[in-house]
Each structure stands twice: as structure tokens, then as C-alpha cells.
Amino acid sequence: MLLPPSCHSATRRGGRRFIVGLVGAAALGASAVSLAAEPVRPDLTPKLQGLLKQEMIQVEQAMQAVYSAIVQGRHAVVAEKGQSIHDSFILAQSLTEADRRDIKAAVPPAFLQMDAYLHELSASLAEAGRAEDTPRQVELFARMTESCVACHSAYVSDRFEGLEAPKVPAGWGLAPEASGDDAEG
């Protein structure tokens, strides 16, 4: 379970508390573990640094739009932005073979797993938008937020001062089978 029970009941009631629960879930965790890792940016080529930064800006802008769309019930926007996050997958872009080798050499497998999981979640978010399933949208958005926080804590703490203490709940940023958590939420 990724959100506290109070968040689940608040979202079922459609109350305003789900926003507080969502923020609380992203900020707190009862079972924190360290995902300490070295920042990956110094090991990337300048081209890959630029592509990754560009992708992250696009993801952040889309996530902001998704949040507004969820709380306003604009399902089509949730679907569109969820799909756009999925489609921004850096390894699916037109990289040269040398670029692909460089990125795989520069980042640990867990980084690539976290990135893949975020894009998997965003595809599910797009589906939830098309299905007009607000509770599922909220759940997936929370998991996507957890993924961003976990990855930034582990691999980009040199850019985000507030995340330099890499303590995040076990399993954040990892697909359930990778984290040992078989529950889907």
C-alpha cells in the first residue's frame, strides 16, 4: 500500500483531504530506507545531460498539468499528458548506438528500472484518464510522484538540496515485483 488508509478513504469520499494525503504520502514514510547512490549527471555526456534535462522539464510540466486536470475532472487532459510522459521515454528517442552505450555505461541498472517504471505508470495514467477513473488517476499520480522523489533522492541529489538525505520508503520508484511488494495498491 503506497498511500496511508486515510488517503484512500478520503479519495473514495471525494473530499479535499486527498490533496493533503497525497502531499503527506510524498513527504512521509513509516519505513524509510536509504537508496544512497552517486549522482549520475557527471558520468553522462553533454548530449545525454541535455536530453535528460529536457525530458525531465517536459515530465515536470506534464505532471503539473495532470495534477490540475485530476482535481478539475478533466479526464481527456489526464489521458493526453499521461501519454506524453510515457512517450518522452529517453531510450525510445532517436539516440545513436553510441549514445545508448554511453547512457547504459553511465547509469546503474536501478536508474533505468526507475525510469522505465515511471513511464509504465504514465501509460496506466493515460488509460485511467481515458476510462474517466478518478480514483485510479489519483493513485497513479501519487506513485509517479513517489518515483520522481525516489530517483531524485538517489541519483540527482547534487541538484536538489532538499533531497540530499536519501531516505525514502522502501519500494518507491520501483515496480512492485522489483521492490518485493506484490500488492498493486
N, C-alpha and C. Protein backbone atom coordinates (compact mmCIF):
# COMPACT_ATOMS: atom_id res chain seq x y z
N MET A 1 0.86 -1.17 0.00
CA MET A 1 0.00 0.00 0.00
C MET A 1 0.89 1.23 0.00
N LEU A 2 0.68 2.10 -0.96
CA LEU A 2 1.55 3.27 -1.09
C LEU A 2 0.98 4.50 -0.43
N LEU A 3 -0.32 4.59 -0.28
CA LEU A 3 -0.93 5.73 0.41
C LEU A 3 -1.47 5.24 1.75
N PRO A 4 -1.41 6.09 2.79
CA PRO A 4 -1.99 5.71 4.07
C PRO A 4 -3.49 5.48 3.92
N PRO A 5 -4.07 4.62 4.79
CA PRO A 5 -5.51 4.35 4.69
C PRO A 5 -6.35 5.63 4.69
N SER A 6 -5.95 6.65 5.42
CA SER A 6 -6.73 7.89 5.45
C SER A 6 -6.81 8.53 4.08
N CYS A 7 -5.77 8.38 3.26
CA CYS A 7 -5.79 8.93 1.91
C CYS A 7 -6.77 8.18 1.04
N HIS A 8 -6.78 6.83 1.19
CA HIS A 8 -7.70 6.04 0.38
C HIS A 8 -9.15 6.39 0.71
N SER A 9 -9.48 6.48 2.02
CA SER A 9 -10.86 6.79 2.37
C SER A 9 -11.24 8.20 1.95
N ALA A 10 -10.30 9.13 2.01
CA ALA A 10 -10.60 10.50 1.60
C ALA A 10 -10.85 10.57 0.10
N THR A 11 -10.10 9.81 -0.69
CA THR A 11 -10.32 9.86 -2.13
C THR A 11 -11.64 9.18 -2.47
N ARG A 12 -12.00 8.13 -1.73
CA ARG A 12 -13.28 7.48 -2.01
C ARG A 12 -14.43 8.44 -1.72
N ARG A 13 -14.31 9.24 -0.67
CA ARG A 13 -15.36 10.19 -0.34
C ARG A 13 -15.31 11.41 -1.24
N GLY A 14 -14.23 11.54 -2.00
CA GLY A 14 -14.12 12.69 -2.90
C GLY A 14 -13.82 13.98 -2.15
N GLY A 15 -13.40 13.88 -0.91
CA GLY A 15 -13.13 15.07 -0.10
C GLY A 15 -11.83 15.76 -0.47
N ARG A 16 -11.65 16.91 0.09
CA ARG A 16 -10.45 17.70 -0.17
C ARG A 16 -9.22 17.11 0.50
N ARG A 17 -9.43 16.25 1.49
CA ARG A 17 -8.29 15.72 2.23
C ARG A 17 -7.36 14.88 1.37
N PHE A 18 -7.81 14.42 0.21
CA PHE A 18 -6.91 13.59 -0.61
C PHE A 18 -5.70 14.38 -1.05
N ILE A 19 -5.85 15.70 -1.20
CA ILE A 19 -4.70 16.53 -1.58
C ILE A 19 -3.68 16.51 -0.46
N VAL A 20 -4.14 16.70 0.78
CA VAL A 20 -3.25 16.66 1.92
C VAL A 20 -2.62 15.28 2.05
N GLY A 21 -3.42 14.24 1.84
CA GLY A 21 -2.90 12.87 1.90
C GLY A 21 -1.87 12.61 0.84
N LEU A 22 -2.11 13.12 -0.36
CA LEU A 22 -1.17 12.94 -1.45
C LEU A 22 0.17 13.60 -1.13
N VAL A 23 0.10 14.83 -0.63
CA VAL A 23 1.32 15.53 -0.25
C VAL A 23 1.99 14.81 0.92
N GLY A 24 1.20 14.37 1.87
CA GLY A 24 1.76 13.65 3.01
C GLY A 24 2.42 12.35 2.60
N ALA A 25 1.79 11.64 1.68
CA ALA A 25 2.36 10.38 1.20
C ALA A 25 3.69 10.63 0.50
N ALA A 26 3.78 11.73 -0.21
CA ALA A 26 5.02 12.04 -0.91
C ALA A 26 6.10 12.51 0.05
N ALA A 27 5.71 13.07 1.20
CA ALA A 27 6.69 13.65 2.11
C ALA A 27 7.11 12.71 3.24
N LEU A 28 6.23 11.77 3.61
CA LEU A 28 6.49 10.95 4.77
C LEU A 28 6.50 9.47 4.42
N GLY A 29 7.15 8.72 5.23
CA GLY A 29 7.13 7.26 5.07
C GLY A 29 7.50 6.60 6.37
N ALA A 30 6.72 5.63 6.78
CA ALA A 30 6.98 4.97 8.04
C ALA A 30 8.24 4.10 7.97
N SER A 31 8.41 3.40 6.87
CA SER A 31 9.58 2.52 6.76
C SER A 31 10.56 3.09 5.75
N ALA A 32 11.37 4.03 6.22
CA ALA A 32 12.32 4.68 5.31
C ALA A 32 13.58 3.84 5.17
N VAL A 33 14.10 3.81 3.95
CA VAL A 33 15.36 3.15 3.70
C VAL A 33 16.22 4.08 2.86
N SER A 34 17.48 3.87 2.91
CA SER A 34 18.38 4.70 2.14
C SER A 34 18.61 4.09 0.76
N LEU A 35 18.40 4.88 -0.26
CA LEU A 35 18.70 4.46 -1.62
C LEU A 35 19.94 5.21 -2.08
N ALA A 36 20.88 5.40 -1.17
CA ALA A 36 22.06 6.20 -1.47
C ALA A 36 22.75 5.71 -2.74
N ALA A 37 23.02 6.63 -3.59
CA ALA A 37 23.72 6.35 -4.83
C ALA A 37 24.46 7.62 -5.22
N GLU A 38 25.30 7.49 -6.17
CA GLU A 38 26.04 8.65 -6.65
C GLU A 38 25.24 9.36 -7.73
N PRO A 39 25.32 10.68 -7.78
CA PRO A 39 24.67 11.40 -8.88
C PRO A 39 25.16 10.88 -10.23
N VAL A 40 24.24 10.75 -11.17
CA VAL A 40 24.60 10.19 -12.47
C VAL A 40 25.04 11.25 -13.47
N ARG A 41 24.64 12.49 -13.25
CA ARG A 41 24.91 13.55 -14.23
C ARG A 41 26.38 13.68 -14.62
N PRO A 42 27.32 13.64 -13.66
CA PRO A 42 28.73 13.80 -14.05
C PRO A 42 29.23 12.72 -15.01
N ASP A 43 28.60 11.57 -15.02
CA ASP A 43 29.04 10.47 -15.88
C ASP A 43 28.39 10.49 -17.25
N LEU A 44 27.43 11.39 -17.47
CA LEU A 44 26.75 11.46 -18.76
C LEU A 44 27.50 12.39 -19.71
N THR A 45 27.42 12.09 -20.99
CA THR A 45 27.99 13.00 -21.99
C THR A 45 27.16 14.28 -21.99
N PRO A 46 27.71 15.39 -22.45
CA PRO A 46 26.93 16.63 -22.52
C PRO A 46 25.63 16.47 -23.31
N LYS A 47 25.66 15.72 -24.40
CA LYS A 47 24.44 15.49 -25.19
C LYS A 47 23.38 14.77 -24.34
N LEU A 48 23.79 13.73 -23.63
CA LEU A 48 22.84 12.98 -22.81
C LEU A 48 22.35 13.81 -21.64
N GLN A 49 23.22 14.63 -21.04
CA GLN A 49 22.78 15.52 -19.97
C GLN A 49 21.67 16.44 -20.48
N GLY A 50 21.88 16.99 -21.67
CA GLY A 50 20.89 17.89 -22.26
C GLY A 50 19.57 17.19 -22.55
N LEU A 51 19.63 15.99 -23.12
CA LEU A 51 18.41 15.25 -23.43
C LEU A 51 17.65 14.88 -22.16
N LEU A 52 18.38 14.42 -21.15
CA LEU A 52 17.74 14.04 -19.90
C LEU A 52 17.11 15.25 -19.21
N LYS A 53 17.82 16.37 -19.21
CA LYS A 53 17.27 17.58 -18.61
C LYS A 53 16.02 18.02 -19.36
N GLN A 54 16.06 17.99 -20.67
CA GLN A 54 14.90 18.36 -21.48
C GLN A 54 13.71 17.44 -21.18
N GLU A 55 13.98 16.14 -21.08
CA GLU A 55 12.91 15.21 -20.76
C GLU A 55 12.32 15.49 -19.39
N MET A 56 13.17 15.75 -18.40
CA MET A 56 12.68 16.00 -17.04
C MET A 56 11.83 17.27 -16.98
N ILE A 57 12.21 18.29 -17.72
CA ILE A 57 11.40 19.52 -17.76
C ILE A 57 10.03 19.21 -18.36
N GLN A 58 10.01 18.43 -19.43
CA GLN A 58 8.73 18.06 -20.05
C GLN A 58 7.88 17.23 -19.10
N VAL A 59 8.50 16.29 -18.37
CA VAL A 59 7.77 15.46 -17.42
C VAL A 59 7.20 16.34 -16.30
N GLU A 60 8.02 17.25 -15.78
CA GLU A 60 7.54 18.12 -14.69
C GLU A 60 6.35 18.98 -15.15
N GLN A 61 6.45 19.56 -16.33
CA GLN A 61 5.34 20.38 -16.84
C GLN A 61 4.08 19.54 -17.04
N ALA A 62 4.24 18.34 -17.56
CA ALA A 62 3.09 17.46 -17.76
C ALA A 62 2.49 17.05 -16.42
N MET A 63 3.34 16.76 -15.42
CA MET A 63 2.83 16.38 -14.09
C MET A 63 2.04 17.53 -13.46
N GLN A 64 2.50 18.76 -13.63
CA GLN A 64 1.75 19.90 -13.10
C GLN A 64 0.38 20.00 -13.77
N ALA A 65 0.35 19.80 -15.08
CA ALA A 65 -0.92 19.84 -15.81
C ALA A 65 -1.83 18.70 -15.39
N VAL A 66 -1.26 17.51 -15.15
CA VAL A 66 -2.05 16.36 -14.72
C VAL A 66 -2.70 16.64 -13.38
N TYR A 67 -1.93 17.19 -12.45
CA TYR A 67 -2.50 17.49 -11.13
C TYR A 67 -3.73 18.37 -11.27
N SER A 68 -3.59 19.47 -12.01
CA SER A 68 -4.73 20.38 -12.20
C SER A 68 -5.89 19.66 -12.87
N ALA A 69 -5.59 18.85 -13.87
CA ALA A 69 -6.64 18.14 -14.59
C ALA A 69 -7.36 17.14 -13.69
N ILE A 70 -6.62 16.44 -12.84
CA ILE A 70 -7.27 15.48 -11.93
C ILE A 70 -8.24 16.20 -11.01
N VAL A 71 -7.78 17.26 -10.37
CA VAL A 71 -8.65 17.93 -9.39
C VAL A 71 -9.81 18.67 -10.05
N GLN A 72 -9.74 18.88 -11.36
CA GLN A 72 -10.82 19.54 -12.08
C GLN A 72 -11.66 18.56 -12.89
N GLY A 73 -11.32 17.29 -12.85
CA GLY A 73 -12.09 16.28 -13.57
C GLY A 73 -11.95 16.36 -15.08
N ARG A 74 -10.82 16.87 -15.55
CA ARG A 74 -10.59 16.97 -16.99
C ARG A 74 -9.84 15.71 -17.45
N HIS A 75 -10.59 14.64 -17.62
CA HIS A 75 -10.03 13.32 -17.92
C HIS A 75 -9.23 13.29 -19.22
N ALA A 76 -9.70 14.00 -20.23
CA ALA A 76 -9.00 13.99 -21.52
C ALA A 76 -7.60 14.58 -21.38
N VAL A 77 -7.45 15.59 -20.53
CA VAL A 77 -6.13 16.18 -20.30
C VAL A 77 -5.23 15.19 -19.55
N VAL A 78 -5.80 14.49 -18.57
CA VAL A 78 -5.04 13.47 -17.85
C VAL A 78 -4.53 12.42 -18.84
N ALA A 79 -5.40 11.98 -19.73
CA ALA A 79 -5.01 10.97 -20.72
C ALA A 79 -3.92 11.51 -21.65
N GLU A 80 -4.10 12.72 -22.12
CA GLU A 80 -3.13 13.32 -23.05
C GLU A 80 -1.77 13.50 -22.39
N LYS A 81 -1.75 14.07 -21.19
CA LYS A 81 -0.48 14.34 -20.52
C LYS A 81 0.18 13.05 -20.03
N GLY A 82 -0.62 12.10 -19.57
CA GLY A 82 -0.06 10.81 -19.19
C GLY A 82 0.62 10.14 -20.37
N GLN A 83 -0.03 10.22 -21.52
CA GLN A 83 0.56 9.63 -22.72
C GLN A 83 1.83 10.38 -23.14
N SER A 84 1.82 11.70 -22.97
CA SER A 84 3.01 12.47 -23.36
C SER A 84 4.20 12.14 -22.46
N ILE A 85 3.95 11.87 -21.18
CA ILE A 85 5.05 11.46 -20.30
C ILE A 85 5.57 10.10 -20.74
N HIS A 86 4.67 9.20 -21.02
CA HIS A 86 5.08 7.87 -21.50
C HIS A 86 5.92 7.98 -22.77
N ASP A 87 5.49 8.80 -23.69
CA ASP A 87 6.15 8.91 -24.98
C ASP A 87 7.48 9.64 -24.93
N SER A 88 7.81 10.28 -23.80
CA SER A 88 9.08 11.00 -23.69
C SER A 88 10.24 10.09 -23.30
N PHE A 89 9.96 8.81 -23.12
CA PHE A 89 10.95 7.82 -22.68
C PHE A 89 12.28 8.02 -23.42
N ILE A 90 13.33 8.38 -22.68
CA ILE A 90 14.60 8.79 -23.29
C ILE A 90 15.21 7.70 -24.18
N LEU A 91 15.12 6.45 -23.78
CA LEU A 91 15.73 5.40 -24.59
C LEU A 91 14.94 5.12 -25.86
N ALA A 92 13.71 5.59 -25.93
CA ALA A 92 12.91 5.40 -27.13
C ALA A 92 13.14 6.54 -28.13
N GLN A 93 13.84 7.58 -27.68
CA GLN A 93 14.13 8.69 -28.58
C GLN A 93 15.18 8.24 -29.59
N SER A 94 15.41 9.07 -30.58
CA SER A 94 16.36 8.69 -31.63
C SER A 94 17.80 8.94 -31.17
N LEU A 95 18.30 8.02 -30.36
CA LEU A 95 19.68 8.08 -29.90
C LEU A 95 20.52 7.21 -30.81
N THR A 96 21.76 7.59 -30.97
CA THR A 96 22.68 6.75 -31.73
C THR A 96 23.04 5.53 -30.89
N GLU A 97 23.60 4.54 -31.51
CA GLU A 97 24.05 3.35 -30.77
C GLU A 97 25.10 3.76 -29.73
N ALA A 98 25.97 4.69 -30.10
CA ALA A 98 26.99 5.17 -29.15
C ALA A 98 26.33 5.84 -27.94
N ASP A 99 25.27 6.63 -28.19
CA ASP A 99 24.54 7.27 -27.09
C ASP A 99 23.93 6.21 -26.17
N ARG A 100 23.36 5.18 -26.77
CA ARG A 100 22.74 4.11 -25.97
C ARG A 100 23.78 3.42 -25.10
N ARG A 101 24.94 3.15 -25.67
CA ARG A 101 26.01 2.53 -24.88
C ARG A 101 26.47 3.48 -23.77
N ASP A 102 26.60 4.76 -24.10
CA ASP A 102 27.05 5.75 -23.11
C ASP A 102 26.09 5.84 -21.93
N ILE A 103 24.80 5.87 -22.22
CA ILE A 103 23.84 6.01 -21.10
C ILE A 103 23.82 4.75 -20.27
N LYS A 104 23.89 3.59 -20.90
CA LYS A 104 23.89 2.34 -20.13
C LYS A 104 25.17 2.20 -19.30
N ALA A 105 26.27 2.74 -19.79
CA ALA A 105 27.53 2.70 -19.04
C ALA A 105 27.54 3.72 -17.91
N ALA A 106 26.82 4.82 -18.07
CA ALA A 106 26.89 5.92 -17.10
C ALA A 106 25.93 5.75 -15.93
N VAL A 107 24.85 5.04 -16.12
CA VAL A 107 23.84 4.94 -15.06
C VAL A 107 23.69 3.50 -14.60
N PRO A 108 23.40 3.32 -13.32
CA PRO A 108 23.21 1.95 -12.83
C PRO A 108 21.88 1.38 -13.33
N PRO A 109 21.77 0.07 -13.36
CA PRO A 109 20.52 -0.55 -13.82
C PRO A 109 19.29 -0.06 -13.05
N ALA A 110 19.44 0.22 -11.75
CA ALA A 110 18.29 0.68 -10.96
C ALA A 110 17.75 2.01 -11.48
N PHE A 111 18.63 2.87 -11.99
CA PHE A 111 18.18 4.14 -12.58
C PHE A 111 17.28 3.86 -13.77
N LEU A 112 17.73 2.96 -14.64
CA LEU A 112 16.94 2.62 -15.82
C LEU A 112 15.62 1.93 -15.43
N GLN A 113 15.65 1.12 -14.37
CA GLN A 113 14.42 0.48 -13.90
C GLN A 113 13.43 1.52 -13.37
N MET A 114 13.94 2.50 -12.62
CA MET A 114 13.06 3.56 -12.11
C MET A 114 12.46 4.37 -13.25
N ASP A 115 13.28 4.68 -14.24
CA ASP A 115 12.80 5.44 -15.39
C ASP A 115 11.72 4.64 -16.13
N ALA A 116 11.97 3.35 -16.35
CA ALA A 116 11.00 2.50 -17.05
C ALA A 116 9.70 2.42 -16.27
N TYR A 117 9.79 2.31 -14.94
CA TYR A 117 8.58 2.21 -14.11
C TYR A 117 7.77 3.50 -14.18
N LEU A 118 8.43 4.66 -14.16
CA LEU A 118 7.71 5.92 -14.28
C LEU A 118 6.92 5.95 -15.60
N HIS A 119 7.55 5.51 -16.66
CA HIS A 119 6.88 5.53 -17.96
C HIS A 119 5.76 4.49 -18.04
N GLU A 120 5.93 3.37 -17.34
CA GLU A 120 4.86 2.38 -17.24
C GLU A 120 3.67 2.98 -16.50
N LEU A 121 3.95 3.65 -15.38
CA LEU A 121 2.88 4.30 -14.62
C LEU A 121 2.17 5.36 -15.46
N SER A 122 2.92 6.11 -16.24
CA SER A 122 2.29 7.17 -17.04
C SER A 122 1.39 6.58 -18.12
N ALA A 123 1.73 5.43 -18.67
CA ALA A 123 0.84 4.76 -19.63
C ALA A 123 -0.45 4.34 -18.93
N SER A 124 -0.33 3.84 -17.71
CA SER A 124 -1.51 3.47 -16.93
C SER A 124 -2.34 4.70 -16.59
N LEU A 125 -1.67 5.82 -16.30
CA LEU A 125 -2.38 7.06 -16.03
C LEU A 125 -3.19 7.50 -17.25
N ALA A 126 -2.59 7.39 -18.41
CA ALA A 126 -3.30 7.74 -19.65
C ALA A 126 -4.55 6.88 -19.80
N GLU A 127 -4.43 5.59 -19.50
CA GLU A 127 -5.58 4.69 -19.57
C GLU A 127 -6.65 5.10 -18.57
N ALA A 128 -6.23 5.43 -17.35
CA ALA A 128 -7.19 5.85 -16.32
C ALA A 128 -7.89 7.14 -16.74
N GLY A 129 -7.19 8.01 -17.44
CA GLY A 129 -7.81 9.23 -17.95
C GLY A 129 -8.86 8.90 -19.00
N ARG A 130 -8.51 8.01 -19.91
CA ARG A 130 -9.47 7.61 -20.96
C ARG A 130 -10.69 6.92 -20.35
N ALA A 131 -10.47 6.18 -19.26
CA ALA A 131 -11.56 5.48 -18.59
C ALA A 131 -12.34 6.38 -17.63
N GLU A 132 -11.89 7.63 -17.47
CA GLU A 132 -12.50 8.59 -16.54
C GLU A 132 -12.56 8.03 -15.12
N ASP A 133 -11.49 7.35 -14.72
CA ASP A 133 -11.38 6.71 -13.42
C ASP A 133 -10.54 7.59 -12.49
N THR A 134 -11.20 8.53 -11.83
CA THR A 134 -10.51 9.49 -10.98
C THR A 134 -9.73 8.84 -9.84
N PRO A 135 -10.31 7.90 -9.09
CA PRO A 135 -9.51 7.30 -8.01
C PRO A 135 -8.22 6.65 -8.52
N ARG A 136 -8.28 6.00 -9.65
CA ARG A 136 -7.08 5.37 -10.23
C ARG A 136 -6.08 6.45 -10.66
N GLN A 137 -6.57 7.55 -11.21
CA GLN A 137 -5.70 8.66 -11.59
C GLN A 137 -4.93 9.18 -10.38
N VAL A 138 -5.64 9.36 -9.27
CA VAL A 138 -5.01 9.86 -8.05
C VAL A 138 -3.95 8.87 -7.56
N GLU A 139 -4.28 7.59 -7.56
CA GLU A 139 -3.34 6.56 -7.12
C GLU A 139 -2.08 6.55 -7.99
N LEU A 140 -2.27 6.59 -9.30
CA LEU A 140 -1.13 6.55 -10.22
C LEU A 140 -0.29 7.82 -10.13
N PHE A 141 -0.95 8.97 -9.98
CA PHE A 141 -0.21 10.22 -9.85
C PHE A 141 0.66 10.18 -8.59
N ALA A 142 0.12 9.63 -7.50
CA ALA A 142 0.90 9.51 -6.27
C ALA A 142 2.11 8.61 -6.48
N ARG A 143 1.92 7.49 -7.17
CA ARG A 143 3.04 6.58 -7.44
C ARG A 143 4.08 7.24 -8.33
N MET A 144 3.63 8.02 -9.31
CA MET A 144 4.57 8.74 -10.18
C MET A 144 5.37 9.75 -9.37
N THR A 145 4.70 10.45 -8.46
CA THR A 145 5.39 11.41 -7.60
C THR A 145 6.43 10.70 -6.73
N GLU A 146 6.06 9.56 -6.17
CA GLU A 146 6.99 8.77 -5.38
C GLU A 146 8.21 8.39 -6.22
N SER A 147 7.96 8.00 -7.47
CA SER A 147 9.05 7.60 -8.36
C SER A 147 10.01 8.76 -8.60
N CYS A 148 9.47 9.94 -8.83
CA CYS A 148 10.31 11.11 -9.05
C CYS A 148 11.16 11.40 -7.82
N VAL A 149 10.54 11.40 -6.65
CA VAL A 149 11.26 11.68 -5.41
C VAL A 149 12.34 10.63 -5.17
N ALA A 150 12.02 9.36 -5.36
CA ALA A 150 12.99 8.29 -5.14
C ALA A 150 14.19 8.43 -6.07
N CYS A 151 13.93 8.67 -7.34
CA CYS A 151 15.03 8.78 -8.31
C CYS A 151 15.88 10.02 -8.02
N HIS A 152 15.24 11.14 -7.76
CA HIS A 152 15.99 12.36 -7.47
C HIS A 152 16.82 12.21 -6.19
N SER A 153 16.26 11.52 -5.20
CA SER A 153 16.99 11.30 -3.95
C SER A 153 18.22 10.44 -4.17
N ALA A 154 18.08 9.45 -5.03
CA ALA A 154 19.18 8.52 -5.26
C ALA A 154 20.20 9.02 -6.27
N TYR A 155 19.73 9.70 -7.33
CA TYR A 155 20.61 9.96 -8.47
C TYR A 155 20.81 11.42 -8.85
N VAL A 156 20.08 12.34 -8.23
CA VAL A 156 20.21 13.75 -8.60
C VAL A 156 20.25 14.64 -7.36
N SER A 157 20.73 14.07 -6.26
CA SER A 157 20.78 14.85 -5.02
C SER A 157 21.74 16.02 -5.11
N ASP A 158 22.63 16.02 -6.10
CA ASP A 158 23.54 17.15 -6.28
C ASP A 158 22.80 18.37 -6.83
N ARG A 159 21.63 18.19 -7.40
CA ARG A 159 20.84 19.31 -7.93
C ARG A 159 19.70 19.70 -7.02
N PHE A 160 19.26 18.79 -6.17
CA PHE A 160 18.09 19.04 -5.32
C PHE A 160 18.50 18.94 -3.86
N GLU A 161 18.88 20.09 -3.28
CA GLU A 161 19.39 20.13 -1.90
C GLU A 161 18.48 19.45 -0.90
N GLY A 162 17.19 19.65 -1.04
CA GLY A 162 16.24 19.10 -0.08
C GLY A 162 16.14 17.59 -0.13
N LEU A 163 16.74 16.99 -1.13
CA LEU A 163 16.69 15.54 -1.25
C LEU A 163 18.05 14.89 -1.02
N GLU A 164 19.00 15.66 -0.46
CA GLU A 164 20.33 15.08 -0.30
C GLU A 164 20.37 14.01 0.78
N ALA A 165 19.44 14.01 1.68
CA ALA A 165 19.33 12.90 2.64
C ALA A 165 18.41 11.87 1.99
N PRO A 166 18.99 10.88 1.32
CA PRO A 166 18.18 9.97 0.50
C PRO A 166 17.42 8.92 1.29
N LYS A 167 16.49 9.38 2.09
CA LYS A 167 15.65 8.45 2.85
C LYS A 167 14.25 8.49 2.25
N VAL A 168 13.90 7.41 1.62
CA VAL A 168 12.56 7.29 1.07
C VAL A 168 12.03 5.91 1.43
N PRO A 169 10.71 5.76 1.47
CA PRO A 169 10.15 4.45 1.81
C PRO A 169 10.60 3.36 0.84
N ALA A 170 10.76 2.19 1.38
CA ALA A 170 11.16 1.04 0.56
C ALA A 170 10.18 0.86 -0.58
N GLY A 171 10.73 0.66 -1.76
CA GLY A 171 9.88 0.39 -2.91
C GLY A 171 9.48 1.60 -3.72
N TRP A 172 9.67 2.81 -3.20
CA TRP A 172 9.33 3.98 -4.00
C TRP A 172 10.17 3.98 -5.26
N GLY A 173 9.56 4.19 -6.38
CA GLY A 173 10.28 4.28 -7.64
C GLY A 173 10.54 2.95 -8.30
N LEU A 174 10.14 1.87 -7.66
CA LEU A 174 10.36 0.54 -8.21
C LEU A 174 9.03 -0.14 -8.50
N ALA A 175 8.99 -0.89 -9.57
CA ALA A 175 7.80 -1.68 -9.87
C ALA A 175 7.58 -2.66 -8.72
N PRO A 176 6.32 -3.00 -8.42
CA PRO A 176 6.05 -3.88 -7.27
C PRO A 176 6.89 -5.16 -7.25
N GLU A 177 7.10 -5.80 -8.40
CA GLU A 177 7.91 -7.03 -8.40
C GLU A 177 9.37 -6.74 -8.09
N ALA A 178 9.87 -5.55 -8.41
CA ALA A 178 11.26 -5.18 -8.13
C ALA A 178 11.46 -4.82 -6.67
N SER A 179 10.40 -4.31 -6.02
CA SER A 179 10.53 -3.87 -4.64
C SER A 179 10.15 -4.96 -3.64
N GLY A 180 9.60 -6.07 -4.14
CA GLY A 180 9.16 -7.13 -3.24
C GLY A 180 7.76 -6.92 -2.75
N ASP A 181 7.09 -5.85 -3.20
CA ASP A 181 5.72 -5.55 -2.81
C ASP A 181 4.80 -6.04 -3.92
N ASP A 182 4.10 -7.13 -3.65
CA ASP A 182 3.24 -7.71 -4.68
C ASP A 182 1.87 -7.05 -4.75
N ALA A 183 1.54 -6.21 -3.77
CA ALA A 183 0.23 -5.55 -3.78
C ALA A 183 0.22 -4.43 -4.80
N GLU A 184 -0.85 -4.33 -5.52
CA GLU A 184 -0.99 -3.27 -6.53
C GLU A 184 -1.63 -2.02 -5.98
N GLY A 185 -1.94 -1.95 -4.72
CA GLY A 185 -2.48 -0.70 -4.17
C GLY A 185 -3.78 -0.83 -3.58
